[in-house]
Amino acid sequence: MPNDIERVQTGVRLEKRVLKVLKALAEVHDMTLGDLLEGIVLHAFEGKPPFSRESIRKIAELKKIYGLDLNASHSHKLREAAPRRGR
């Protein structure tokens, strides 16, 4: 077991639909969003897939529900829309 850790609050910005899918997936697994993200990142750091086949099926369902049509090919190419005027 690793030594005790220290968590910090962060102000990360994420694409809205990606965040909705992540929050829903965390809920499915009865874990916090932070715990889910830590697990994904730790797996990625070791070059290991973070999700089981069942989780990948659930993610596909959640992507449909939340209208998430982005995939890995969009990574590093996303641009924010210009802010709307008159709000």
Protein backbone atom coordinates (compact mmCIF):
# COMPACT_ATOMS: atom_id res chain seq x y z
CA MET A 1 0.00 0.00 0.00
CA PRO A 2 1.40 3.43 -0.90
CA ASN A 3 2.15 6.05 1.69
CA ASP A 4 -0.55 8.49 2.64
CA ILE A 5 -1.31 10.94 -0.13
CA GLU A 6 -2.24 14.60 -0.19
CA ARG A 7 -5.02 15.72 -2.53
CA VAL A 8 -5.38 19.29 -3.76
CA GLN A 9 -8.36 21.14 -5.18
CA THR A 10 -7.97 22.05 -8.83
CA GLY A 11 -9.88 24.16 -11.31
CA VAL A 12 -9.66 21.97 -14.39
CA ARG A 13 -11.85 22.90 -17.36
CA LEU A 14 -13.36 20.07 -19.39
CA GLU A 15 -15.68 19.83 -22.37
CA LYS A 16 -19.23 19.84 -20.99
CA ARG A 17 -20.38 16.49 -22.43
CA VAL A 18 -17.13 14.76 -21.48
CA LEU A 19 -17.67 15.90 -17.90
CA LYS A 20 -21.27 14.63 -17.90
CA VAL A 21 -20.15 11.18 -19.09
CA LEU A 22 -17.34 11.08 -16.51
CA LYS A 23 -19.68 12.07 -13.67
CA ALA A 24 -22.24 9.46 -14.73
CA LEU A 25 -19.55 6.78 -15.00
CA ALA A 26 -18.25 7.66 -11.53
CA GLU A 27 -21.81 7.31 -10.23
CA VAL A 28 -22.19 3.91 -11.93
CA HIS A 29 -19.05 2.73 -10.13
CA ASP A 30 -20.08 4.41 -6.84
CA MET A 31 -16.95 6.53 -6.70
CA THR A 32 -16.08 10.20 -6.78
CA LEU A 33 -15.16 11.96 -9.99
CA GLY A 34 -11.71 12.60 -8.54
CA ASP A 35 -11.17 8.92 -7.78
CA LEU A 36 -12.25 7.99 -11.31
CA LEU A 37 -9.89 10.53 -12.89
CA GLU A 38 -6.98 9.41 -10.69
CA GLY A 39 -7.56 5.81 -11.75
CA ILE A 40 -7.71 6.72 -15.44
CA VAL A 41 -4.51 8.74 -15.21
CA LEU A 42 -2.59 6.13 -13.19
CA HIS A 43 -3.53 3.45 -15.74
CA ALA A 44 -2.54 5.73 -18.62
CA PHE A 45 0.83 6.48 -17.01
CA GLU A 46 1.58 2.75 -17.15
CA GLY A 47 0.20 2.28 -20.65
CA LYS A 48 -2.65 0.13 -19.33
CA PRO A 49 -6.27 0.38 -20.43
CA PRO A 50 -8.30 1.98 -17.62
CA PHE A 51 -11.65 0.33 -18.44
CA SER A 52 -13.05 -3.17 -18.60
CA ARG A 53 -15.15 -4.27 -21.57
CA GLU A 54 -18.29 -3.74 -19.50
CA SER A 55 -17.23 -0.19 -18.58
CA ILE A 56 -16.51 0.56 -22.24
CA ARG A 57 -20.04 -0.62 -23.13
CA LYS A 58 -21.45 1.62 -20.39
CA ILE A 59 -19.39 4.56 -21.64
CA ALA A 60 -20.82 4.06 -25.14
CA GLU A 61 -24.35 4.19 -23.68
CA LEU A 62 -23.56 7.32 -21.67
CA LYS A 63 -22.01 9.01 -24.72
CA LYS A 64 -25.28 8.47 -26.60
CA ILE A 65 -27.35 9.79 -23.70
CA TYR A 66 -25.26 12.96 -23.41
CA GLY A 67 -24.68 13.46 -27.14
CA LEU A 68 -20.91 13.08 -26.88
CA ASP A 69 -19.62 12.57 -30.41
CA LEU A 70 -15.95 13.26 -29.69
CA ASN A 71 -13.30 10.55 -29.76
CA ALA A 72 -9.54 10.22 -29.36
CA SER A 73 -8.91 11.65 -32.83
CA HIS A 74 -10.32 14.96 -31.58
CA SER A 75 -7.85 15.12 -28.72
CA HIS A 76 -5.55 18.17 -28.80
CA LYS A 77 -7.67 19.70 -31.60
CA LEU A 78 -10.61 21.02 -29.58
CA ARG A 79 -11.24 24.76 -29.64
CA GLU A 80 -13.66 26.67 -27.49
CA ALA A 81 -16.47 28.51 -29.21
CA ALA A 82 -16.30 32.29 -29.04
CA PRO A 83 -18.31 33.65 -26.10
CA ARG A 84 -21.83 34.67 -27.04
CA ARG A 85 -22.60 38.36 -26.86
CA GLY A 86 -25.65 39.75 -25.13
CA ARG A 87 -25.76 37.27 -22.27
